[in-house]
Structures are given as structure tokens and as C-alpha cells.
Amino acid sequence: MKIEGYDEHEPNERVWEVQVYLSRAVRDYFGEEGQKGRRNEKDVRNAKNTLKFLKRHGLDRVRGSAQFKREGKFPSGRKRGGDQVVYEAKSDQVRVYGGPVTVRGVTAYFFVEAVTKKNTKADQKQLQRVAKALGAINDELERRK
């Protein structure tokens, strides 16, 4: 699966259960906030490791983790309608939002936005944006088949 603006997370990883892709915005955030000596360096590393664990072991193994949780279902904005599940990978105040996209029986996880949180409650507008972005990815991939 290839989508413009998204790159595979840990592309050299040989053993994986699901594919995980990060938007360029998430990669830029990881690059900036994960620099040596930055306040969020350790938290970015932990969030990346959570996504790597998801890639290696799949949703069933990572779902019970405190670092990965379901935020809910939100309108996807898809042509066919429907809601989109949004997940959060986190470490302390670093949050990465995304969710699954399934096309032709293959599920991949796309992580769209990353943020340093100031409080513990998730921004509902941000979650809705992520759901719409995931819906657009799903529409694009279905259009290609």
C-alpha cells in the first residue's frame, strides 16, 4: 500500500503483523521533538516503540497497553458514509493519532497527526480531523483497486 504523504514506519523491520504508516507531519514531529536533549526525546522514542510493537504483534497484543488506546469512532467523511475508529499511541504528553484502513482484506494503520498535549483529555476536533483523513485514505485506496 502506498499513499502520497505517508511513509512506512520501520521499513527495515523484517517481522511484522500489520503495516504501519506515518504521515510526513508525524515524521517531522518525531524528528523535531525527538532530538537529543529535547524535553520530549524519551517520550518520542517510547511512542515510536509502541508503533513498532503494533507493527510486529498486531492490534490484539498492543490493545491492552496503557500506551495505545482507542479514542472512539468519528464520522469518516467517506463517500459511502460510516464511522472511523481512531487510536492514540502515547507516552507521557506525546500523542500520535491514527487508525486502521482495510482494503482487499489487508489492514494497515495510518498515523496522521502528532502533538504534545497540555492536558489529559483528547481534542475532539483533532480526532474528527484524523477520522476524515483516514476516510480519505480509504477512499483513495479503494478507488485504485
C-alpha atoms as a PDB file:
ATOM      1  CA  MET A   1       0.000   0.000   0.000  1.00  0.00           C
ATOM      2  CA  LYS A   2       1.385   3.379  -0.938  1.00  0.00           C
ATOM      3  CA  ILE A   3      -0.301   6.696  -0.272  1.00  0.00           C
ATOM      4  CA  GLU A   4       1.129  10.114  -1.079  1.00  0.00           C
ATOM      5  CA  GLY A   5       2.431  11.866   2.044  1.00  0.00           C
ATOM      6  CA  TYR A   6       2.827   8.664   4.112  1.00  0.00           C
ATOM      7  CA  ASP A   7       5.905   6.530   4.666  1.00  0.00           C
ATOM      8  CA  GLU A   8       6.195   3.114   6.234  1.00  0.00           C
ATOM      9  CA  HIS A   9       7.251   3.098   9.895  1.00  0.00           C
ATOM     10  CA  GLU A  10      10.386   0.988  10.467  1.00  0.00           C
ATOM     11  CA  PRO A  11      10.634  -0.096   6.811  1.00  0.00           C
ATOM     12  CA  ASN A  12      13.582  -2.437   7.522  1.00  0.00           C
ATOM     13  CA  GLU A  13      11.638  -4.391  10.135  1.00  0.00           C
ATOM     14  CA  ARG A  14      11.531  -7.967   8.865  1.00  0.00           C
ATOM     15  CA  VAL A  15       8.865  -9.473  11.103  1.00  0.00           C
ATOM     16  CA  TRP A  16       5.510  -7.716  11.133  1.00  0.00           C
ATOM     17  CA  GLU A  17       1.876  -8.476  11.696  1.00  0.00           C
ATOM     18  CA  VAL A  18       0.404  -5.252  10.265  1.00  0.00           C
ATOM     19  CA  GLN A  19       1.717  -2.404   8.177  1.00  0.00           C
ATOM     20  CA  VAL A  20       2.143   0.966   9.915  1.00  0.00           C
ATOM     21  CA  TYR A  21       2.497   4.240   8.026  1.00  0.00           C
ATOM     22  CA  LEU A  22       3.275   7.718   9.347  1.00  0.00           C
ATOM     23  CA  SER A  23       2.354  10.996   7.720  1.00  0.00           C
ATOM     24  CA  ARG A  24       5.188  13.373   6.955  1.00  0.00           C
ATOM     25  CA  ALA A  25       3.807  15.653   9.669  1.00  0.00           C
ATOM     26  CA  VAL A  26       4.254  12.866  12.235  1.00  0.00           C
ATOM     27  CA  ARG A  27       7.766  12.133  10.956  1.00  0.00           C
ATOM     28  CA  ASP A  28       8.649  15.831  11.179  1.00  0.00           C
ATOM     29  CA  TYR A  29       7.247  15.978  14.710  1.00  0.00           C
ATOM     30  CA  PHE A  30       9.298  12.910  15.721  1.00  0.00           C
ATOM     31  CA  GLY A  31      12.406  14.438  14.146  1.00  0.00           C
ATOM     32  CA  GLU A  32      11.956  17.774  15.889  1.00  0.00           C
ATOM     33  CA  GLU A  33      10.723  16.670  19.303  1.00  0.00           C
ATOM     34  CA  GLY A  34      12.887  13.547  19.423  1.00  0.00           C
ATOM     35  CA  GLN A  35      16.197  15.370  19.075  1.00  0.00           C
ATOM     36  CA  LYS A  36      18.824  14.606  21.658  1.00  0.00           C
ATOM     37  CA  GLY A  37      18.462  16.864  24.658  1.00  0.00           C
ATOM     38  CA  ARG A  38      14.870  17.894  23.906  1.00  0.00           C
ATOM     39  CA  ARG A  39      12.279  17.638  26.647  1.00  0.00           C
ATOM     40  CA  ASN A  40      10.227  15.043  24.730  1.00  0.00           C
ATOM     41  CA  GLU A  41      13.159  12.953  23.461  1.00  0.00           C
ATOM     42  CA  LYS A  42      12.361   9.932  25.662  1.00  0.00           C
ATOM     43  CA  ASP A  43       8.602  10.179  25.083  1.00  0.00           C
ATOM     44  CA  VAL A  44       9.019  10.304  21.299  1.00  0.00           C
ATOM     45  CA  ARG A  45      11.231   7.224  21.473  1.00  0.00           C
ATOM     46  CA  ASN A  46       8.588   5.433  23.569  1.00  0.00           C
ATOM     47  CA  ALA A  47       5.760   6.395  21.178  1.00  0.00           C
ATOM     48  CA  LYS A  48       7.819   5.135  18.218  1.00  0.00           C
ATOM     49  CA  ASN A  49       8.441   1.876  20.065  1.00  0.00           C
ATOM     50  CA  THR A  50       4.700   1.486  20.696  1.00  0.00           C
ATOM     51  CA  LEU A  51       4.073   1.838  16.952  1.00  0.00           C
ATOM     52  CA  LYS A  52       6.856  -0.663  16.275  1.00  0.00           C
ATOM     53  CA  PHE A  53       5.226  -3.088  18.721  1.00  0.00           C
ATOM     54  CA  LEU A  54       1.902  -2.621  16.882  1.00  0.00           C
ATOM     55  CA  LYS A  55       3.644  -3.403  13.612  1.00  0.00           C
ATOM     56  CA  ARG A  56       5.328  -6.527  14.997  1.00  0.00           C
ATOM     57  CA  HIS A  57       2.479  -8.018  17.011  1.00  0.00           C
ATOM     58  CA  GLY A  58      -0.776  -6.525  15.754  1.00  0.00           C
ATOM     59  CA  LEU A  59      -3.693  -4.829  17.469  1.00  0.00           C
ATOM     60  CA  ASP A  60      -4.635  -7.697  19.771  1.00  0.00           C
ATOM     61  CA  ARG A  61      -1.299  -7.603  21.596  1.00  0.00           C
ATOM     62  CA  VAL A  62      -0.952  -3.809  21.839  1.00  0.00           C
ATOM     63  CA  ARG A  63      -4.589  -3.009  22.644  1.00  0.00           C
ATOM     64  CA  GLY A  64      -4.291  -3.751  26.380  1.00  0.00           C
ATOM     65  CA  SER A  65      -1.291  -1.469  26.718  1.00  0.00           C
ATOM     66  CA  ALA A  66      -1.570   1.862  28.527  1.00  0.00           C
ATOM     67  CA  GLN A  67       0.440   3.398  25.674  1.00  0.00           C
ATOM     68  CA  PHE A  68      -2.121   2.524  22.981  1.00  0.00           C
ATOM     69  CA  LYS A  69      -5.822   3.104  23.294  1.00  0.00           C
ATOM     70  CA  ARG A  70      -8.954   3.552  21.273  1.00  0.00           C
ATOM     71  CA  GLU A  71     -10.289   7.108  21.335  1.00  0.00           C
ATOM     72  CA  GLY A  72     -13.610   6.267  19.708  1.00  0.00           C
ATOM     73  CA  LYS A  73     -15.443   6.337  16.386  1.00  0.00           C
ATOM     74  CA  PHE A  74     -15.879   9.534  14.417  1.00  0.00           C
ATOM     75  CA  PRO A  75     -17.518  10.417  11.076  1.00  0.00           C
ATOM     76  CA  SER A  76     -15.110   9.487   8.290  1.00  0.00           C
ATOM     77  CA  GLY A  77     -16.439  11.799   5.602  1.00  0.00           C
ATOM     78  CA  ARG A  78     -16.276   8.856   3.185  1.00  0.00           C
ATOM     79  CA  LYS A  79     -18.432   8.759   0.094  1.00  0.00           C
ATOM     80  CA  ARG A  80     -20.129   5.610   1.413  1.00  0.00           C
ATOM     81  CA  GLY A  81     -20.507   7.141   4.871  1.00  0.00           C
ATOM     82  CA  GLY A  82     -19.702   5.375   8.088  1.00  0.00           C
ATOM     83  CA  ASP A  83     -17.514   5.999  11.071  1.00  0.00           C
ATOM     84  CA  GLN A  84     -13.790   5.577  11.511  1.00  0.00           C
ATOM     85  CA  VAL A  85     -12.051   4.221  14.611  1.00  0.00           C
ATOM     86  CA  VAL A  86      -9.261   6.470  15.891  1.00  0.00           C
ATOM     87  CA  TYR A  87      -6.432   5.190  18.087  1.00  0.00           C
ATOM     88  CA  GLU A  88      -3.880   7.031  20.157  1.00  0.00           C
ATOM     89  CA  ALA A  89      -0.273   5.945  20.720  1.00  0.00           C
ATOM     90  CA  LYS A  90       1.134   7.861  23.644  1.00  0.00           C
ATOM     91  CA  SER A  91       3.940   8.353  26.088  1.00  0.00           C
ATOM     92  CA  ASP A  92       3.506  10.949  28.824  1.00  0.00           C
ATOM     93  CA  GLN A  93       2.366  14.056  26.896  1.00  0.00           C
ATOM     94  CA  VAL A  94       3.341  12.918  23.365  1.00  0.00           C
ATOM     95  CA  ARG A  95       0.344  11.680  21.382  1.00  0.00           C
ATOM     96  CA  VAL A  96       0.123  10.187  17.883  1.00  0.00           C
ATOM     97  CA  TYR A  97      -3.339   9.743  16.332  1.00  0.00           C
ATOM     98  CA  GLY A  98      -4.368   7.385  13.549  1.00  0.00           C
ATOM     99  CA  GLY A  99      -6.291   4.258  12.771  1.00  0.00           C
ATOM    100  CA  PRO A 100      -6.857   1.240  10.566  1.00  0.00           C
ATOM    101  CA  VAL A 101      -7.657   1.225   6.877  1.00  0.00           C
ATOM    102  CA  THR A 102      -8.696  -2.082   5.309  1.00  0.00           C
ATOM    103  CA  VAL A 103      -8.656  -2.598   1.547  1.00  0.00           C
ATOM    104  CA  ARG A 104      -8.957  -6.007  -0.168  1.00  0.00           C
ATOM    105  CA  GLY A 105      -8.665  -7.762   3.174  1.00  0.00           C
ATOM    106  CA  VAL A 106      -5.368  -6.071   4.077  1.00  0.00           C
ATOM    107  CA  THR A 107      -5.342  -3.805   7.125  1.00  0.00           C
ATOM    108  CA  ALA A 108      -2.768  -1.069   7.528  1.00  0.00           C
ATOM    109  CA  TYR A 109      -2.541   1.590  10.229  1.00  0.00           C
ATOM    110  CA  PHE A 110      -2.041   5.188   9.193  1.00  0.00           C
ATOM    111  CA  PHE A 111      -0.962   7.722  11.826  1.00  0.00           C
ATOM    112  CA  VAL A 112      -1.921  11.200  10.723  1.00  0.00           C
ATOM    113  CA  GLU A 113      -1.166  13.701  13.497  1.00  0.00           C
ATOM    114  CA  ALA A 114       1.180  14.034  16.459  1.00  0.00           C
ATOM    115  CA  VAL A 115       1.028  16.557  19.264  1.00  0.00           C
ATOM    116  CA  THR A 116       2.443  17.415  22.654  1.00  0.00           C
ATOM    117  CA  LYS A 117      -0.571  17.515  24.951  1.00  0.00           C
ATOM    118  CA  LYS A 118      -1.003  20.127  27.644  1.00  0.00           C
ATOM    119  CA  ASN A 119      -3.845  18.249  29.333  1.00  0.00           C
ATOM    120  CA  THR A 120      -5.048  14.675  29.508  1.00  0.00           C
ATOM    121  CA  LYS A 121      -8.305  14.996  27.541  1.00  0.00           C
ATOM    122  CA  ALA A 122      -8.099  14.421  23.791  1.00  0.00           C
ATOM    123  CA  ASP A 123      -9.106  17.280  21.490  1.00  0.00           C
ATOM    124  CA  GLN A 124     -12.350  16.108  19.841  1.00  0.00           C
ATOM    125  CA  LYS A 125     -11.865  18.339  16.779  1.00  0.00           C
ATOM    126  CA  GLN A 126      -8.437  16.834  16.222  1.00  0.00           C
ATOM    127  CA  LEU A 127      -9.872  13.317  16.465  1.00  0.00           C
ATOM    128  CA  GLN A 128     -12.547  14.241  13.916  1.00  0.00           C
ATOM    129  CA  ARG A 129      -9.842  15.599  11.550  1.00  0.00           C
ATOM    130  CA  VAL A 130      -7.904  12.355  11.886  1.00  0.00           C
ATOM    131  CA  ALA A 131     -11.047  10.296  11.131  1.00  0.00           C
ATOM    132  CA  LYS A 132     -11.711  12.357   7.989  1.00  0.00           C
ATOM    133  CA  ALA A 133      -8.084  11.952   6.854  1.00  0.00           C
ATOM    134  CA  LEU A 134      -8.359   8.176   7.366  1.00  0.00           C
ATOM    135  CA  GLY A 135     -11.634   8.163   5.415  1.00  0.00           C
ATOM    136  CA  ALA A 136      -9.903   9.976   2.538  1.00  0.00           C
ATOM    137  CA  ILE A 137      -7.067   7.414   2.581  1.00  0.00           C
ATOM    138  CA  ASN A 138      -9.600   4.588   2.494  1.00  0.00           C
ATOM    139  CA  ASP A 139     -11.470   6.180  -0.433  1.00  0.00           C
ATOM    140  CA  GLU A 140      -8.189   6.681  -2.320  1.00  0.00           C
ATOM    141  CA  LEU A 141      -7.063   3.097  -1.819  1.00  0.00           C
ATOM    142  CA  GLU A 142     -10.467   1.681  -2.784  1.00  0.00           C
ATOM    143  CA  ARG A 143     -10.519   3.862  -5.899  1.00  0.00           C
ATOM    144  CA  ARG A 144      -7.213   2.310  -7.008  1.00  0.00           C
ATOM    145  CA  LYS A 145      -8.338  -1.323  -6.765  1.00  0.00           C
END
